[in-house]
């Protein structure tokens, strides 16, 4: 495949009529914020580990609730004034 030659001021993805790619916009935002790839990867990993931990905690709560209440027993409805 042939690569097109770009004008000196024309950046990748900024050709006339073409919108910028989302990945390029994210990279630019991270660069402007001073976050490099390694730091972004570290933050992504921490967020995913937090989500996993939250899901495990929720599953544990559901298991405890199922074991703690006798079968067939439900909450009572009350009227609030």
PDB file of N, CA and C in Angstrom:
ATOM      1  N   UNK A   1       0.829  -1.199   0.000  1.00  0.00           N
ATOM      2  CA  UNK A   1       0.000   0.000   0.000  1.00  0.00           C
ATOM      3  C   UNK A   1       0.868   1.255   0.000  1.00  0.00           C
ATOM      4  N   UNK A   2       0.375   2.260  -0.647  1.00  0.00           N
ATOM      5  CA  UNK A   2       1.100   3.537  -0.680  1.00  0.00           C
ATOM      6  C   UNK A   2       0.607   4.438   0.429  1.00  0.00           C
ATOM      7  N   UNK A   3       1.535   5.120   1.047  1.00  0.00           N
ATOM      8  CA  UNK A   3       1.170   6.095   2.070  1.00  0.00           C
ATOM      9  C   UNK A   3       1.059   7.468   1.429  1.00  0.00           C
ATOM     10  N   UNK A   4       0.081   8.217   1.876  1.00  0.00           N
ATOM     11  CA  UNK A   4      -0.083   9.563   1.350  1.00  0.00           C
ATOM     12  C   UNK A   4       0.877  10.505   2.048  1.00  0.00           C
ATOM     13  N   UNK A   5       1.430  11.429   1.287  1.00  0.00           N
ATOM     14  CA  UNK A   5       2.291  12.438   1.891  1.00  0.00           C
ATOM     15  C   UNK A   5       1.406  13.542   2.435  1.00  0.00           C
ATOM     16  N   UNK A   6       1.709  13.954   3.642  1.00  0.00           N
ATOM     17  CA  UNK A   6       0.910  14.992   4.286  1.00  0.00           C
ATOM     18  C   UNK A   6       1.638  16.324   4.247  1.00  0.00           C
ATOM     19  N   UNK A   7       0.868  17.374   4.285  1.00  0.00           N
ATOM     20  CA  UNK A   7       1.448  18.711   4.350  1.00  0.00           C
ATOM     21  C   UNK A   7       2.122  18.883   5.704  1.00  0.00           C
ATOM     22  N   UNK A   8       3.025  19.824   5.814  1.00  0.00           N
ATOM     23  CA  UNK A   8       3.799  20.011   7.041  1.00  0.00           C
ATOM     24  C   UNK A   8       2.920  20.274   8.261  1.00  0.00           C
ATOM     25  N   UNK A   9       1.863  21.040   8.126  1.00  0.00           N
ATOM     26  CA  UNK A   9       1.010  21.379   9.255  1.00  0.00           C
ATOM     27  C   UNK A   9      -0.126  20.404   9.501  1.00  0.00           C
ATOM     28  N   UNK A  10      -0.241  19.397   8.667  1.00  0.00           N
ATOM     29  CA  UNK A  10      -1.366  18.477   8.755  1.00  0.00           C
ATOM     30  C   UNK A  10      -0.989  17.266   9.600  1.00  0.00           C
ATOM     31  N   UNK A  11      -1.672  17.070  10.698  1.00  0.00           N
ATOM     32  CA  UNK A  11      -1.388  15.950  11.591  1.00  0.00           C
ATOM     33  C   UNK A  11      -2.190  14.725  11.179  1.00  0.00           C
ATOM     34  N   UNK A  12      -1.815  13.603  11.729  1.00  0.00           N
ATOM     35  CA  UNK A  12      -2.489  12.344  11.421  1.00  0.00           C
ATOM     36  C   UNK A  12      -3.962  12.435  11.837  1.00  0.00           C
ATOM     37  N   UNK A  13      -4.864  12.027  10.971  1.00  0.00           N
ATOM     38  CA  UNK A  13      -6.285  12.026  11.286  1.00  0.00           C
ATOM     39  C   UNK A  13      -6.957  13.375  11.142  1.00  0.00           C
ATOM     40  N   UNK A  14      -6.216  14.377  10.716  1.00  0.00           N
ATOM     41  CA  UNK A  14      -6.794  15.707  10.604  1.00  0.00           C
ATOM     42  C   UNK A  14      -6.937  16.139   9.152  1.00  0.00           C
ATOM     43  N   UNK A  15      -7.038  15.174   8.258  1.00  0.00           N
ATOM     44  CA  UNK A  15      -7.219  15.521   6.854  1.00  0.00           C
ATOM     45  C   UNK A  15      -8.588  16.162   6.661  1.00  0.00           C
ATOM     46  N   UNK A  16      -8.682  16.916   5.637  1.00  0.00           N
ATOM     47  CA  UNK A  16      -9.915  17.655   5.365  1.00  0.00           C
ATOM     48  C   UNK A  16     -11.113  16.720   5.254  1.00  0.00           C
ATOM     49  N   UNK A  17     -12.147  16.988   6.032  1.00  0.00           N
ATOM     50  CA  UNK A  17     -13.377  16.208   5.967  1.00  0.00           C
ATOM     51  C   UNK A  17     -13.374  14.960   6.832  1.00  0.00           C
ATOM     52  N   UNK A  18     -12.260  14.614   7.450  1.00  0.00           N
ATOM     53  CA  UNK A  18     -12.209  13.422   8.295  1.00  0.00           C
ATOM     54  C   UNK A  18     -12.150  13.843   9.761  1.00  0.00           C
ATOM     55  N   UNK A  19     -13.011  13.278  10.591  1.00  0.00           N
ATOM     56  CA  UNK A  19     -12.937  13.584  12.026  1.00  0.00           C
ATOM     57  C   UNK A  19     -11.748  12.869  12.655  1.00  0.00           C
ATOM     58  N   UNK A  20     -11.303  13.381  13.777  1.00  0.00           N
ATOM     59  CA  UNK A  20     -10.207  12.746  14.498  1.00  0.00           C
ATOM     60  C   UNK A  20     -10.680  11.421  15.073  1.00  0.00           C
ATOM     61  N   UNK A  21      -9.783  10.462  15.150  1.00  0.00           N
ATOM     62  CA  UNK A  21     -10.109   9.171  15.745  1.00  0.00           C
ATOM     63  C   UNK A  21     -10.190   9.337  17.252  1.00  0.00           C
ATOM     64  N   UNK A  22     -11.079   8.547  17.879  1.00  0.00           N
ATOM     65  CA  UNK A  22     -11.260   8.642  19.326  1.00  0.00           C
ATOM     66  C   UNK A  22      -9.981   8.325  20.084  1.00  0.00           C
ATOM     67  N   UNK A  23      -9.239   7.325  19.609  1.00  0.00           N
ATOM     68  CA  UNK A  23      -8.003   6.956  20.312  1.00  0.00           C
ATOM     69  C   UNK A  23      -6.999   8.099  20.286  1.00  0.00           C
ATOM     70  N   UNK A  24      -6.962   8.849  19.196  1.00  0.00           N
ATOM     71  CA  UNK A  24      -6.043   9.985  19.104  1.00  0.00           C
ATOM     72  C   UNK A  24      -6.472  11.099  20.056  1.00  0.00           C
ATOM     73  N   UNK A  25      -7.758  11.330  20.157  1.00  0.00           N
ATOM     74  CA  UNK A  25      -8.250  12.372  21.054  1.00  0.00           C
ATOM     75  C   UNK A  25      -7.953  12.010  22.508  1.00  0.00           C
ATOM     76  N   UNK A  26      -8.126  10.730  22.869  1.00  0.00           N
ATOM     77  CA  UNK A  26      -7.837  10.290  24.235  1.00  0.00           C
ATOM     78  C   UNK A  26      -6.353  10.460  24.525  1.00  0.00           C
ATOM     79  N   UNK A  27      -5.507  10.051  23.585  1.00  0.00           N
ATOM     80  CA  UNK A  27      -4.061  10.196  23.764  1.00  0.00           C
ATOM     81  C   UNK A  27      -3.687  11.660  23.981  1.00  0.00           C
ATOM     82  N   UNK A  28      -4.291  12.550  23.208  1.00  0.00           N
ATOM     83  CA  UNK A  28      -4.008  13.973  23.360  1.00  0.00           C
ATOM     84  C   UNK A  28      -4.459  14.497  24.716  1.00  0.00           C
ATOM     85  N   UNK A  29      -5.633  14.071  25.162  1.00  0.00           N
ATOM     86  CA  UNK A  29      -6.142  14.518  26.460  1.00  0.00           C
ATOM     87  C   UNK A  29      -5.220  14.038  27.580  1.00  0.00           C
ATOM     88  N   UNK A  30      -4.800  12.788  27.522  1.00  0.00           N
ATOM     89  CA  UNK A  30      -3.901  12.256  28.545  1.00  0.00           C
ATOM     90  C   UNK A  30      -2.563  12.998  28.531  1.00  0.00           C
ATOM     91  N   UNK A  31      -2.074  13.288  27.338  1.00  0.00           N
ATOM     92  CA  UNK A  31      -0.807  14.018  27.217  1.00  0.00           C
ATOM     93  C   UNK A  31      -0.936  15.412  27.809  1.00  0.00           C
ATOM     94  N   UNK A  32      -2.051  16.092  27.545  1.00  0.00           N
ATOM     95  CA  UNK A  32      -2.267  17.437  28.081  1.00  0.00           C
ATOM     96  C   UNK A  32      -2.386  17.409  29.598  1.00  0.00           C
ATOM     97  N   UNK A  33      -2.931  16.298  30.148  1.00  0.00           N
ATOM     98  CA  UNK A  33      -3.077  16.169  31.594  1.00  0.00           C
ATOM     99  C   UNK A  33      -1.780  15.718  32.256  1.00  0.00           C
ATOM    100  N   UNK A  34      -0.793  15.362  31.441  1.00  0.00           N
ATOM    101  CA  UNK A  34       0.488  14.946  31.989  1.00  0.00           C
ATOM    102  C   UNK A  34       0.503  13.486  32.413  1.00  0.00           C
ATOM    103  N   UNK A  35      -0.370  12.680  31.829  1.00  0.00           N
ATOM    104  CA  UNK A  35      -0.440  11.260  32.169  1.00  0.00           C
ATOM    105  C   UNK A  35       0.140  10.466  31.004  1.00  0.00           C
ATOM    106  N   UNK A  36       1.188   9.699  31.276  1.00  0.00           N
ATOM    107  CA  UNK A  36       1.785   8.890  30.223  1.00  0.00           C
ATOM    108  C   UNK A  36       1.117   7.515  30.152  1.00  0.00           C
ATOM    109  N   UNK A  37       1.530   6.706  29.188  1.00  0.00           N
ATOM    110  CA  UNK A  37       0.898   5.398  28.979  1.00  0.00           C
ATOM    111  C   UNK A  37       1.013   4.496  30.205  1.00  0.00           C
ATOM    112  N   UNK A  38       2.177   4.490  30.836  1.00  0.00           N
ATOM    113  CA  UNK A  38       2.386   3.624  32.005  1.00  0.00           C
ATOM    114  C   UNK A  38       1.429   4.013  33.128  1.00  0.00           C
ATOM    115  N   UNK A  39       1.276   5.307  33.353  1.00  0.00           N
ATOM    116  CA  UNK A  39       0.376   5.781  34.415  1.00  0.00           C
ATOM    117  C   UNK A  39      -1.080   5.467  34.061  1.00  0.00           C
ATOM    118  N   UNK A  40      -1.457   5.631  32.800  1.00  0.00           N
ATOM    119  CA  UNK A  40      -2.820   5.317  32.367  1.00  0.00           C
ATOM    120  C   UNK A  40      -3.105   3.826  32.551  1.00  0.00           C
ATOM    121  N   UNK A  41      -2.130   2.982  32.220  1.00  0.00           N
ATOM    122  CA  UNK A  41      -2.287   1.535  32.400  1.00  0.00           C
ATOM    123  C   UNK A  41      -2.436   1.187  33.886  1.00  0.00           C
ATOM    124  N   UNK A  42      -1.659   1.862  34.732  1.00  0.00           N
ATOM    125  CA  UNK A  42      -1.729   1.626  36.176  1.00  0.00           C
ATOM    126  C   UNK A  42      -3.106   2.030  36.720  1.00  0.00           C
ATOM    127  N   UNK A  43      -3.614   3.168  36.288  1.00  0.00           N
ATOM    128  CA  UNK A  43      -4.930   3.633  36.736  1.00  0.00           C
ATOM    129  C   UNK A  43      -6.022   2.678  36.253  1.00  0.00           C
ATOM    130  N   UNK A  44      -5.935   2.251  34.987  1.00  0.00           N
ATOM    131  CA  UNK A  44      -6.910   1.314  34.429  1.00  0.00           C
ATOM    132  C   UNK A  44      -6.933   0.013  35.241  1.00  0.00           C
ATOM    133  N   UNK A  45      -5.744  -0.482  35.589  1.00  0.00           N
ATOM    134  CA  UNK A  45      -5.650  -1.717  36.372  1.00  0.00           C
ATOM    135  C   UNK A  45      -6.277  -1.538  37.757  1.00  0.00           C
ATOM    136  N   UNK A  46      -5.994  -0.411  38.401  1.00  0.00           N
ATOM    137  CA  UNK A  46      -6.567  -0.144  39.721  1.00  0.00           C
ATOM    138  C   UNK A  46      -8.090  -0.073  39.659  1.00  0.00           C
ATOM    139  N   UNK A  47      -8.615   0.568  38.633  1.00  0.00           N
ATOM    140  CA  UNK A  47     -10.076   0.674  38.482  1.00  0.00           C
ATOM    141  C   UNK A  47     -10.677  -0.711  38.286  1.00  0.00           C
ATOM    142  N   UNK A  48     -10.083  -1.516  37.421  1.00  0.00           N
ATOM    143  CA  UNK A  48     -10.610  -2.863  37.183  1.00  0.00           C
ATOM    144  C   UNK A  48     -10.524  -3.730  38.434  1.00  0.00           C
ATOM    145  N   UNK A  49      -9.439  -3.630  39.183  1.00  0.00           N
ATOM    146  CA  UNK A  49      -9.324  -4.384  40.429  1.00  0.00           C
ATOM    147  C   UNK A  49     -10.382  -3.928  41.428  1.00  0.00           C
ATOM    148  N   UNK A  50     -10.674  -2.631  41.447  1.00  0.00           N
ATOM    149  CA  UNK A  50     -11.720  -2.113  42.332  1.00  0.00           C
ATOM    150  C   UNK A  50     -13.093  -2.645  41.956  1.00  0.00           C
ATOM    151  N   UNK A  51     -13.374  -2.726  40.660  1.00  0.00           N
ATOM    152  CA  UNK A  51     -14.652  -3.259  40.188  1.00  0.00           C
ATOM    153  C   UNK A  51     -14.767  -4.730  40.566  1.00  0.00           C
ATOM    154  N   UNK A  52     -13.685  -5.493  40.385  1.00  0.00           N
ATOM    155  CA  UNK A  52     -13.695  -6.911  40.751  1.00  0.00           C
ATOM    156  C   UNK A  52     -13.942  -7.069  42.244  1.00  0.00           C
ATOM    157  N   UNK A  53     -13.263  -6.272  43.056  1.00  0.00           N
ATOM    158  CA  UNK A  53     -13.436  -6.331  44.508  1.00  0.00           C
ATOM    159  C   UNK A  53     -14.872  -6.003  44.905  1.00  0.00           C
ATOM    160  N   UNK A  54     -15.457  -4.984  44.272  1.00  0.00           N
ATOM    161  CA  UNK A  54     -16.832  -4.613  44.577  1.00  0.00           C
ATOM    162  C   UNK A  54     -17.799  -5.742  44.206  1.00  0.00           C
ATOM    163  N   UNK A  55     -17.580  -6.387  43.062  1.00  0.00           N
ATOM    164  CA  UNK A  55     -18.442  -7.491  42.637  1.00  0.00           C
ATOM    165  C   UNK A  55     -18.325  -8.670  43.596  1.00  0.00           C
ATOM    166  N   UNK A  56     -17.104  -8.980  44.036  1.00  0.00           N
ATOM    167  CA  UNK A  56     -16.914 -10.071  44.984  1.00  0.00           C
ATOM    168  C   UNK A  56     -17.618  -9.766  46.299  1.00  0.00           C
ATOM    169  N   UNK A  57     -17.529  -8.524  46.750  1.00  0.00           N
ATOM    170  CA  UNK A  57     -18.176  -8.119  47.989  1.00  0.00           C
ATOM    171  C   UNK A  57     -19.698  -8.241  47.861  1.00  0.00           C
ATOM    172  N   UNK A  58     -20.224  -7.814  46.717  1.00  0.00           N
ATOM    173  CA  UNK A  58     -21.672  -7.891  46.490  1.00  0.00           C
ATOM    174  C   UNK A  58     -22.133  -9.350  46.472  1.00  0.00           C
ATOM    175  N   UNK A  59     -21.376 -10.228  45.802  1.00  0.00           N
ATOM    176  CA  UNK A  59     -21.718 -11.649  45.774  1.00  0.00           C
ATOM    177  C   UNK A  59     -21.687 -12.240  47.181  1.00  0.00           C
ATOM    178  N   UNK A  60     -20.710 -11.844  47.983  1.00  0.00           N
ATOM    179  CA  UNK A  60     -20.615 -12.325  49.357  1.00  0.00           C
ATOM    180  C   UNK A  60     -21.836 -11.880  50.164  1.00  0.00           C
ATOM    181  N   UNK A  61     -22.243 -10.632  49.987  1.00  0.00           N
ATOM    182  CA  UNK A  61     -23.433 -10.139  50.689  1.00  0.00           C
ATOM    183  C   UNK A  61     -24.668 -10.925  50.288  1.00  0.00           C
ATOM    184  N   UNK A  62     -24.783 -11.247  48.985  1.00  0.00           N
ATOM    185  CA  UNK A  62     -25.940 -12.007  48.513  1.00  0.00           C
ATOM    186  C   UNK A  62     -25.944 -13.411  49.107  1.00  0.00           C
ATOM    187  N   UNK A  63     -24.772 -14.033  49.211  1.00  0.00           N
ATOM    188  CA  UNK A  63     -24.662 -15.371  49.794  1.00  0.00           C
ATOM    189  C   UNK A  63     -25.061 -15.335  51.272  1.00  0.00           C
ATOM    190  N   UNK A  64     -24.574 -14.341  52.010  1.00  0.00           N
ATOM    191  CA  UNK A  64     -24.894 -14.219  53.433  1.00  0.00           C
ATOM    192  C   UNK A  64     -26.384 -13.999  53.636  1.00  0.00           C
ATOM    193  N   UNK A  65     -26.982 -13.189  52.799  1.00  0.00           N
ATOM    194  CA  UNK A  65     -28.405 -12.903  52.912  1.00  0.00           C
ATOM    195  C   UNK A  65     -29.221 -14.170  52.659  1.00  0.00           C
ATOM    196  N   UNK A  66     -28.808 -14.971  51.681  1.00  0.00           N
ATOM    197  CA  UNK A  66     -29.522 -16.192  51.339  1.00  0.00           C
ATOM    198  C   UNK A  66     -29.414 -17.207  52.480  1.00  0.00           C
ATOM    199  N   UNK A  67     -28.237 -17.322  53.098  1.00  0.00           N
ATOM    200  CA  UNK A  67     -28.026 -18.283  54.176  1.00  0.00           C
ATOM    201  C   UNK A  67     -28.681 -17.825  55.474  1.00  0.00           C
ATOM    202  N   UNK A  68     -28.737 -16.528  55.717  1.00  0.00           N
ATOM    203  CA  UNK A  68     -29.227 -15.990  56.975  1.00  0.00           C
ATOM    204  C   UNK A  68     -30.731 -15.990  57.135  1.00  0.00           C
ATOM    205  N   UNK A  69     -31.489 -15.914  56.077  1.00  0.00           N
ATOM    206  CA  UNK A  69     -32.944 -15.832  56.212  1.00  0.00           C
ATOM    207  C   UNK A  69     -33.574 -17.193  55.923  1.00  0.00           C
ATOM    208  N   UNK A  70     -34.561 -17.560  56.734  1.00  0.00           N
ATOM    209  CA  UNK A  70     -35.242 -18.828  56.484  1.00  0.00           C
ATOM    210  C   UNK A  70     -36.026 -18.767  55.173  1.00  0.00           C
ATOM    211  N   UNK A  71     -36.149 -19.892  54.483  1.00  0.00           N
ATOM    212  CA  UNK A  71     -36.859 -19.883  53.199  1.00  0.00           C
ATOM    213  C   UNK A  71     -38.339 -19.547  53.368  1.00  0.00           C
ATOM    214  N   UNK A  72     -38.872 -18.800  52.421  1.00  0.00           N
ATOM    215  CA  UNK A  72     -40.292 -18.461  52.446  1.00  0.00           C
ATOM    216  C   UNK A  72     -40.624 -17.241  53.287  1.00  0.00           C
ATOM    217  N   UNK A  73     -39.708 -16.750  54.067  1.00  0.00           N
ATOM    218  CA  UNK A  73     -39.988 -15.591  54.915  1.00  0.00           C
ATOM    219  C   UNK A  73     -39.615 -14.326  54.161  1.00  0.00           C
ATOM    220  N   UNK A  74     -40.523 -13.386  54.150  1.00  0.00           N
ATOM    221  CA  UNK A  74     -40.287 -12.126  53.441  1.00  0.00           C
ATOM    222  C   UNK A  74     -40.481 -10.947  54.374  1.00  0.00           C
ATOM    223  N   UNK A  75     -40.071  -9.792  53.880  1.00  0.00           N
ATOM    224  CA  UNK A  75     -40.238  -8.579  54.654  1.00  0.00           C
ATOM    225  C   UNK A  75     -41.721  -8.210  54.784  1.00  0.00           C
ATOM    226  N   UNK A  76     -42.026  -7.436  55.803  1.00  0.00           N
ATOM    227  CA  UNK A  76     -43.413  -7.040  56.033  1.00  0.00           C
ATOM    228  C   UNK A  76     -43.662  -5.675  55.427  1.00  0.00           C
ATOM    229  N   UNK A  77     -44.865  -5.504  54.913  1.00  0.00           N
ATOM    230  CA  UNK A  77     -45.255  -4.199  54.374  1.00  0.00           C
ATOM    231  C   UNK A  77     -45.843  -3.382  55.497  1.00  0.00           C
ATOM    232  N   UNK A  78     -45.429  -2.131  55.563  1.00  0.00           N
ATOM    233  CA  UNK A  78     -45.958  -1.248  56.600  1.00  0.00           C
ATOM    234  C   UNK A  78     -46.418   0.055  55.932  1.00  0.00           C
ATOM    235  N   UNK A  79     -47.318   0.747  56.595  1.00  0.00           N
ATOM    236  CA  UNK A  79     -47.771   2.048  56.105  1.00  0.00           C
ATOM    237  C   UNK A  79     -46.962   3.135  56.794  1.00  0.00           C
ATOM    238  N   UNK A  80     -46.551   4.101  56.014  1.00  0.00           N
ATOM    239  CA  UNK A  80     -45.783   5.227  56.543  1.00  0.00           C
ATOM    240  C   UNK A  80     -46.654   6.472  56.446  1.00  0.00           C
ATOM    241  N   UNK A  81     -46.726   7.187  57.549  1.00  0.00           N
ATOM    242  CA  UNK A  81     -47.542   8.403  57.576  1.00  0.00           C
ATOM    243  C   UNK A  81     -46.773   9.589  57.072  1.00  0.00           C
TER     244      UNK A  81
END
